[in-house]
Amino acid sequence: MSIGILGGGQLGYMLALAGYPLGLRFRFLDPSPEAPVGRIAPRVTGDYTDRAALEKFAHGLEVVTYEFENVPVDAVQHLAKKVAVFPPPGALETAQDRLKEKQLFEKLGIGTTEFASVPVAYDIDVAIKKVGLPAVVKTRRMGYDGKGQWILRTAEDVKAAKEGLPKQPCIAEKFVSFTRELSVIAVRGKTGETAFYPLVENHHRNGILRLSLAPAPRVTPEIQKAAEEAARKVLEGLKYVGVLAIEFFECEGVLLANEMAPRVHNSGHWTIEGAVTSQFENHLRAICGLPLGSTMAIGSSAMINLIGELPESAQVLAIPSAHLHLYGKEPRPGRKLGHVTLRAPSFDHLTNRFASLPAFFQRPDFCLDGASRKSKPPFA
């Protein structure tokens, strides 16, 4: 079976690696001639809006998917006239717009943060009157890894926002004092079959995911069930096929949906070594109409993102049950270059193993900083 993937970054790379043992073939479309997938699969280099590149990419494919959610919806809709595309274009369109995303959660009865639309900067007063201060203002489109987000704490911040916000539609959200951030990775097949991975606890620094713990410690069956029910509502509401990630704030035992990603997700990388079936393989199984694999965790895992620079490979591989994944990218500040997954029989064993990591991982950059959102000044 020939599968086309829009986007040639590390997520597409890992999808292909998961698919080759299943006898699947891949072709990628990416604007960059340096996209990592060029080392492992044919790649069409061209813009997503280039119809000639889309035609060349689509020729002979049986299904198309995408590895990131900022692919132009028009391009996906164009491809959908020629070949099956999963997840469906409607899911992509919703996930690209934070307002539509929040409205979907609200429509489906999924708890989320209070929000208000900010069509232009001068509407910020009306939005803040609704959600109150402090508030988080986000661009409706194209924000990721903490980009396009600002915290307003005072009336002076609101006044500055009228001049400082970008000239594009935004959304204001009530600031949530959360206990921790969690995510669920869910998958739905063509027949409606669904499966859910254990909740994951995520730690960010400067808006970028640094560490995921799976399964998340101290998760009650009720919290796991609530996450699965929220994900099920989205999967069924969008007639979804493939892997979906939903990120939550946990607030005194209650989950509030923050955002979703219509694709395999960074907080699911641990599943490569830490689950019976990885999120990447299950995504491919789903879009190809194959039975879904078990999502059961194997012991406990910690996934550490490598941001901006890399440790010595030998130091990492000397750690028992450490797995190193490098993405083939040139180092630069803030860039995801790879990840390390540590596995252990239990969370206590994992904690001990984490403490034995080499000095590279003991620096302040790797501090667990659940309060990073609170420390970022407006318009920084």
Protein backbone atom coordinates (compact mmCIF):
# COMPACT_ATOMS: atom_id res chain seq x y z
CA MET A 1 0.00 0.00 0.00
CA SER A 2 1.34 3.46 -0.95
CA ILE A 3 0.85 6.24 1.62
CA GLY A 4 1.46 9.94 1.07
CA ILE A 5 2.46 12.15 4.00
CA LEU A 6 2.21 15.93 3.94
CA GLY A 7 5.21 17.24 5.84
CA GLY A 8 8.69 15.80 6.05
CA GLY A 9 9.76 16.38 9.64
CA GLN A 10 10.48 13.96 12.44
CA LEU A 11 6.87 12.88 12.88
CA GLY A 12 6.68 11.81 9.24
CA TYR A 13 10.07 10.15 9.63
CA MET A 14 8.83 8.07 12.57
CA LEU A 15 5.60 7.21 10.75
CA ALA A 16 7.58 5.74 7.88
CA LEU A 17 9.86 3.79 10.21
CA ALA A 18 6.78 2.29 11.87
CA GLY A 19 5.21 1.45 8.52
CA TYR A 20 8.05 -0.33 6.74
CA PRO A 21 7.74 -3.51 8.85
CA LEU A 22 4.07 -3.62 7.79
CA GLY A 23 5.07 -3.62 4.11
CA LEU A 24 3.85 -0.06 3.53
CA ARG A 25 5.45 2.37 1.07
CA PHE A 26 5.72 6.13 1.52
CA ARG A 27 6.05 9.36 -0.42
CA PHE A 28 6.38 12.81 1.18
CA LEU A 29 5.62 16.37 0.17
CA ASP A 30 7.57 19.13 1.90
CA PRO A 31 8.71 22.62 0.88
CA SER A 32 12.22 22.09 2.25
CA PRO A 33 14.87 20.24 0.22
CA GLU A 34 16.51 19.42 3.58
CA ALA A 35 13.48 17.69 5.16
CA PRO A 36 14.74 14.69 7.20
CA VAL A 37 12.53 12.16 5.39
CA GLY A 38 14.61 12.51 2.23
CA ARG A 39 17.00 9.94 3.73
CA ILE A 40 14.38 7.19 3.97
CA ALA A 41 11.67 7.77 1.34
CA PRO A 42 10.93 9.53 -1.96
CA ARG A 43 10.16 13.19 -1.41
CA VAL A 44 8.46 15.75 -3.63
CA THR A 45 9.90 19.17 -2.86
CA GLY A 46 7.30 21.85 -3.38
CA ASP A 47 4.92 24.23 -1.68
CA TYR A 48 1.66 22.82 -0.36
CA THR A 49 -0.23 25.29 -2.55
CA ASP A 50 1.61 24.23 -5.73
CA ARG A 51 -0.99 22.25 -7.70
CA ALA A 52 1.66 20.69 -9.95
CA ALA A 53 3.57 19.45 -6.88
CA LEU A 54 0.32 18.12 -5.39
CA GLU A 55 -0.45 16.21 -8.59
CA LYS A 56 3.04 14.69 -8.69
CA PHE A 57 2.79 13.79 -5.01
CA ALA A 58 -0.68 12.21 -5.29
CA HIS A 59 -0.04 10.05 -8.35
CA GLY A 60 -0.50 6.36 -7.46
CA LEU A 61 -1.16 6.92 -3.75
CA GLU A 62 -3.92 4.99 -1.95
CA VAL A 63 -4.21 7.19 1.14
CA VAL A 64 -2.80 10.54 2.32
CA THR A 65 -2.19 11.78 5.86
CA TYR A 66 -0.25 14.66 7.42
CA GLU A 67 2.33 15.04 10.15
CA PHE A 68 1.53 18.59 11.26
CA GLU A 69 -1.62 20.67 11.36
CA ASN A 70 -0.54 23.81 9.50
CA VAL A 71 -0.93 22.27 6.06
CA PRO A 72 -3.30 24.54 4.06
CA VAL A 73 -6.81 23.10 4.20
CA ASP A 74 -7.33 23.98 0.52
CA ALA A 75 -4.46 21.67 -0.42
CA VAL A 76 -5.91 18.81 1.64
CA GLN A 77 -9.38 19.33 0.16
CA HIS A 78 -7.87 19.29 -3.33
CA LEU A 79 -6.12 16.00 -2.60
CA ALA A 80 -9.29 14.53 -1.08
CA LYS A 81 -10.94 14.72 -4.52
CA LYS A 82 -8.33 12.30 -5.85
CA VAL A 83 -7.36 10.06 -2.93
CA ALA A 84 -8.61 9.19 0.56
CA VAL A 85 -7.29 11.65 3.16
CA PHE A 86 -7.23 10.88 6.91
CA PRO A 87 -7.78 12.48 9.35
CA PRO A 88 -10.59 14.20 7.40
CA PRO A 89 -10.07 17.79 6.20
CA GLY A 90 -12.76 19.03 8.62
CA ALA A 91 -10.67 17.89 11.59
CA LEU A 92 -7.65 19.73 10.22
CA GLU A 93 -9.68 22.90 9.66
CA THR A 94 -10.98 22.84 13.24
CA ALA A 95 -7.59 22.17 14.84
CA GLN A 96 -5.95 25.01 12.89
CA ASP A 97 -8.19 27.60 14.55
CA ARG A 98 -8.14 27.91 18.33
CA LEU A 99 -11.57 29.53 18.38
CA LYS A 100 -13.18 26.76 16.33
CA GLU A 101 -11.39 24.24 18.53
CA LYS A 102 -12.80 25.75 21.73
CA GLN A 103 -16.26 26.00 20.14
CA LEU A 104 -16.08 22.29 19.27
CA PHE A 105 -15.21 21.39 22.88
CA GLU A 106 -18.11 23.53 24.08
CA LYS A 107 -20.54 22.02 21.56
CA LEU A 108 -19.57 18.47 22.58
CA GLY A 109 -19.92 19.19 26.29
CA ILE A 110 -16.20 18.92 27.01
CA GLY A 111 -14.96 21.13 29.84
CA THR A 112 -12.59 23.85 28.67
CA THR A 113 -11.31 27.25 29.75
CA GLU A 114 -13.67 30.21 29.47
CA PHE A 115 -12.88 32.03 26.22
CA ALA A 116 -13.82 34.97 24.02
CA SER A 117 -13.05 35.95 20.44
CA VAL A 118 -10.72 38.89 19.75
CA PRO A 119 -11.31 39.68 16.04
CA VAL A 120 -9.00 42.73 16.19
CA ALA A 121 -6.81 44.16 18.94
CA TYR A 122 -9.27 46.90 19.87
CA ASP A 123 -11.85 44.24 20.80
CA ILE A 124 -9.63 43.08 23.66
CA ASP A 125 -11.60 45.13 26.22
CA VAL A 126 -14.82 43.24 25.43
CA ALA A 127 -13.04 39.87 25.62
CA ILE A 128 -11.34 40.66 28.93
CA LYS A 129 -14.63 41.86 30.38
CA LYS A 130 -15.98 38.36 29.69
CA VAL A 131 -13.05 36.20 30.85
CA GLY A 132 -11.48 38.51 33.44
CA LEU A 133 -7.84 38.96 34.45
CA PRO A 134 -5.38 37.36 34.37
CA ALA A 135 -5.98 36.07 30.85
CA VAL A 136 -4.02 34.34 28.11
CA VAL A 137 -4.28 35.81 24.62
CA LYS A 138 -3.38 33.58 21.69
CA THR A 139 -3.38 33.99 17.95
CA ARG A 140 -6.17 31.88 16.49
CA ARG A 141 -3.87 30.32 13.92
CA MET A 142 -0.27 29.12 13.48
CA GLY A 143 0.87 29.21 17.12
CA TYR A 144 2.87 26.28 18.50
CA ASP A 145 5.55 25.58 21.12
CA GLY A 146 4.49 28.65 23.09
CA LYS A 147 4.59 31.01 20.10
CA GLY A 148 1.77 33.47 19.58
CA GLN A 149 0.76 33.56 23.26
CA TRP A 150 0.75 36.39 25.81
CA ILE A 151 -0.39 36.71 29.41
CA LEU A 152 -2.32 39.81 30.50
CA ARG A 153 -2.35 40.42 34.25
CA THR A 154 -3.24 44.07 34.69
CA ALA A 155 -5.23 46.87 33.06
CA GLU A 156 -1.92 48.24 31.81
CA ASP A 157 -1.24 44.94 30.02
CA VAL A 158 -4.65 45.18 28.35
CA LYS A 159 -3.92 48.73 27.25
CA ALA A 160 -0.55 47.65 25.82
CA ALA A 161 -2.21 44.73 24.04
CA LYS A 162 -4.21 47.11 21.86
CA GLU A 163 -0.94 48.23 20.29
CA GLY A 164 1.21 45.16 20.78
CA LEU A 165 -1.00 42.30 19.60
CA PRO A 166 -0.36 41.07 16.05
CA LYS A 167 -2.74 42.27 13.34
CA GLN A 168 -4.64 38.99 13.15
CA PRO A 169 -7.62 37.42 14.91
CA CYS A 170 -6.93 36.17 18.44
CA ILE A 171 -8.70 34.41 21.28
CA ALA A 172 -8.66 35.36 24.95
CA GLU A 173 -8.84 32.61 27.56
CA LYS A 174 -9.32 32.81 31.29
CA PHE A 175 -6.02 32.05 32.98
CA VAL A 176 -6.19 28.68 34.69
CA SER A 177 -4.19 27.87 37.80
CA PHE A 178 -3.71 24.21 37.05
CA THR A 179 -2.11 21.41 39.02
CA ARG A 180 -0.41 19.85 36.01
CA GLU A 181 -0.69 19.33 32.27
CA LEU A 182 -1.86 15.98 30.91
CA SER A 183 -2.48 14.61 27.44
CA VAL A 184 -4.29 11.62 26.00
CA ILE A 185 -3.40 9.93 22.73
CA ALA A 186 -6.46 8.37 21.10
CA VAL A 187 -6.96 6.50 17.83
CA ARG A 188 -10.03 5.65 15.76
CA GLY A 189 -10.15 3.26 12.83
CA LYS A 190 -12.27 3.31 9.68
CA THR A 191 -14.88 1.03 11.25
CA GLY A 192 -15.27 3.25 14.33
CA GLU A 193 -13.02 1.09 16.52
CA THR A 194 -11.31 3.24 19.17
CA ALA A 195 -8.36 2.81 21.51
CA PHE A 196 -6.74 5.05 24.12
CA TYR A 197 -3.26 5.23 25.61
CA PRO A 198 -2.76 5.98 29.32
CA LEU A 199 -2.73 9.64 30.24
CA VAL A 200 0.69 11.32 30.06
CA GLU A 201 2.03 14.03 32.39
CA ASN A 202 3.83 16.79 30.47
CA HIS A 203 6.36 19.37 31.64
CA HIS A 204 7.16 22.43 29.54
CA ARG A 205 9.80 25.12 29.63
CA ASN A 206 9.41 28.34 27.63
CA GLY A 207 6.39 26.83 25.95
CA ILE A 208 8.24 23.78 24.61
CA LEU A 209 7.61 20.25 25.83
CA ARG A 210 10.66 19.03 27.74
CA LEU A 211 9.53 15.87 29.52
CA SER A 212 6.63 13.42 29.37
CA LEU A 213 5.96 10.77 32.04
CA ALA A 214 3.89 7.77 30.98
CA PRO A 215 1.66 6.52 32.35
CA ALA A 216 1.15 9.74 34.31
CA PRO A 217 1.57 9.16 38.06
CA ARG A 218 -1.36 9.62 40.44
CA VAL A 219 -4.07 9.23 37.80
CA THR A 220 -7.32 7.84 39.11
CA PRO A 221 -9.56 5.62 36.98
CA GLU A 222 -12.09 8.48 36.98
CA ILE A 223 -9.61 10.93 35.43
CA GLN A 224 -8.52 8.40 32.80
CA LYS A 225 -12.16 7.72 31.96
CA ALA A 226 -12.92 11.46 31.68
CA ALA A 227 -10.03 11.94 29.25
CA GLU A 228 -11.12 8.98 27.14
CA GLU A 229 -14.73 10.18 27.04
CA ALA A 230 -13.63 13.64 25.90
CA ALA A 231 -11.45 12.13 23.19
CA ARG A 232 -14.24 9.76 22.12
CA LYS A 233 -16.64 12.68 21.68
CA VAL A 234 -14.15 14.47 19.40
CA LEU A 235 -13.32 11.32 17.42
CA GLU A 236 -16.98 10.54 16.79
CA GLY A 237 -18.04 14.16 16.29
CA LEU A 238 -15.48 14.68 13.53
CA LYS A 239 -15.85 11.18 12.04
CA TYR A 240 -12.15 10.96 12.70
CA VAL A 241 -9.73 8.32 11.41
CA GLY A 242 -6.19 8.19 12.80
CA VAL A 243 -4.39 9.33 15.95
CA LEU A 244 -5.65 12.37 17.86
CA ALA A 245 -4.00 14.08 20.85
CA ILE A 246 -5.86 16.24 23.37
CA GLU A 247 -3.98 18.31 25.94
CA PHE A 248 -5.66 19.01 29.28
CA PHE A 249 -5.16 21.13 32.36
CA GLU A 250 -5.84 19.18 35.55
CA CYS A 251 -7.46 21.50 38.07
CA GLU A 252 -8.10 19.85 41.45
CA GLY A 253 -9.02 16.56 39.85
CA VAL A 254 -11.07 18.07 37.01
CA LEU A 255 -9.85 18.04 33.39
CA LEU A 256 -10.18 21.11 31.15
CA ALA A 257 -9.37 20.58 27.48
CA ASN A 258 -6.75 23.04 26.28
CA GLU A 259 -6.14 22.10 22.65
CA MET A 260 -5.99 19.17 20.27
CA ALA A 261 -3.66 17.97 17.54
CA PRO A 262 -5.03 15.96 14.58
CA ARG A 263 -1.90 13.85 14.22
CA VAL A 264 0.69 11.82 16.06
CA HIS A 265 2.01 13.90 18.93
CA ASN A 266 5.25 14.72 20.73
CA SER A 267 3.81 13.53 24.05
CA GLY A 268 3.22 10.10 22.46
CA HIS A 269 6.83 9.42 21.44
CA TRP A 270 7.26 7.22 24.50
CA THR A 271 4.96 4.65 22.88
CA ILE A 272 7.72 3.53 20.48
CA GLU A 273 9.45 1.60 23.26
CA GLY A 274 6.95 2.02 26.09
CA ALA A 275 3.72 0.58 24.67
CA VAL A 276 2.72 -2.65 22.96
CA THR A 277 1.87 -0.69 19.79
CA SER A 278 3.33 2.75 19.08
CA GLN A 279 1.15 5.73 18.23
CA PHE A 280 2.84 5.77 14.81
CA GLU A 281 1.92 2.18 13.98
CA ASN A 282 -1.62 2.65 15.25
CA HIS A 283 -2.07 5.77 13.11
CA LEU A 284 -1.04 3.77 10.05
CA ARG A 285 -3.24 0.83 11.03
CA ALA A 286 -6.19 3.20 11.36
CA ILE A 287 -5.82 5.01 8.03
CA CYS A 288 -5.14 1.73 6.20
CA GLY A 289 -8.23 0.03 7.61
CA LEU A 290 -6.24 -2.48 9.67
CA PRO A 291 -7.17 -3.65 13.21
CA LEU A 292 -5.83 -1.36 15.93
CA GLY A 293 -3.02 -2.61 18.16
CA SER A 294 -2.90 -2.75 21.94
CA THR A 295 -2.24 0.60 23.65
CA MET A 296 -1.12 -0.97 26.93
CA ALA A 297 1.98 0.56 28.52
CA ILE A 298 5.02 -1.62 29.20
CA GLY A 299 6.19 -0.48 32.63
CA SER A 300 6.88 3.25 33.03
CA SER A 301 8.56 5.63 30.60
CA ALA A 302 10.06 9.10 30.54
CA MET A 303 10.45 10.90 27.21
CA ILE A 304 12.96 13.77 27.20
CA ASN A 305 13.05 16.19 24.28
CA LEU A 306 16.49 17.28 23.06
CA ILE A 307 16.16 20.99 22.29
CA GLY A 308 18.83 23.10 20.59
CA GLU A 309 21.81 20.84 21.31
CA LEU A 310 22.62 17.17 21.72
CA PRO A 311 24.33 15.09 24.41
CA GLU A 312 27.06 12.61 23.62
CA SER A 313 25.33 9.55 22.22
CA ALA A 314 27.59 7.17 24.12
CA GLN A 315 26.61 8.76 27.46
CA VAL A 316 22.92 8.24 26.76
CA LEU A 317 23.26 4.71 25.41
CA ALA A 318 25.26 3.66 28.47
CA ILE A 319 22.11 4.12 30.60
CA PRO A 320 20.09 0.92 31.08
CA SER A 321 16.86 0.96 29.03
CA ALA A 322 17.66 4.32 27.40
CA HIS A 323 16.64 4.76 23.77
CA LEU A 324 18.09 7.59 21.67
CA HIS A 325 16.26 9.06 18.68
CA LEU A 326 18.04 11.68 16.55
CA TYR A 327 16.12 13.54 13.83
CA GLY A 328 19.00 14.46 11.53
CA LYS A 329 18.57 18.21 11.98
CA GLU A 330 21.24 20.88 12.29
CA PRO A 331 21.33 22.27 15.86
CA ARG A 332 19.94 25.72 16.54
CA PRO A 333 18.31 27.32 19.61
CA GLY A 334 14.79 26.11 20.29
CA ARG A 335 14.87 23.37 17.63
CA LYS A 336 13.74 19.82 18.43
CA LEU A 337 16.73 17.68 17.50
CA GLY A 338 15.73 14.35 18.99
CA HIS A 339 14.45 12.65 22.10
CA VAL A 340 15.49 10.09 24.69
CA THR A 341 13.09 7.55 26.15
CA LEU A 342 13.90 5.87 29.46
CA ARG A 343 12.02 2.72 30.44
CA ALA A 344 11.72 1.02 33.82
CA PRO A 345 9.51 -1.64 35.42
CA SER A 346 7.76 0.90 37.67
CA PHE A 347 7.56 4.63 38.31
CA ASP A 348 9.83 4.33 41.36
CA HIS A 349 12.48 2.56 39.27
CA LEU A 350 12.04 5.22 36.61
CA THR A 351 12.63 8.02 39.11
CA ASN A 352 15.91 6.43 40.21
CA ARG A 353 17.01 5.93 36.62
CA PHE A 354 16.16 9.52 35.76
CA ALA A 355 18.32 10.75 38.62
CA SER A 356 21.29 8.85 37.18
CA LEU A 357 21.26 10.69 33.84
CA PRO A 358 24.54 12.36 32.83
CA ALA A 359 25.30 15.99 33.60
CA PHE A 360 23.86 17.18 30.28
CA PHE A 361 20.36 16.46 31.63
CA GLN A 362 20.91 17.99 35.08
CA ARG A 363 21.14 21.60 33.90
CA PRO A 364 18.48 24.26 34.65
CA ASP A 365 17.15 23.87 31.08
CA PHE A 366 15.74 20.52 32.13
CA CYS A 367 14.05 21.75 35.31
CA LEU A 368 10.42 20.70 35.50
CA ASP A 369 8.72 24.03 35.12
CA GLY A 370 4.95 23.67 35.14
CA ALA A 371 4.73 27.40 35.87
CA SER A 372 6.52 28.55 32.70
CA ARG A 373 3.33 30.22 31.43
CA LYS A 374 3.19 32.33 34.55
CA SER A 375 6.67 33.75 34.09
CA LYS A 376 6.42 34.94 30.50
CA PRO A 377 5.86 38.73 30.28
CA PRO A 378 3.37 40.14 27.80
CA PHE A 379 4.71 40.54 24.24
CA ALA A 380 8.14 39.12 25.16
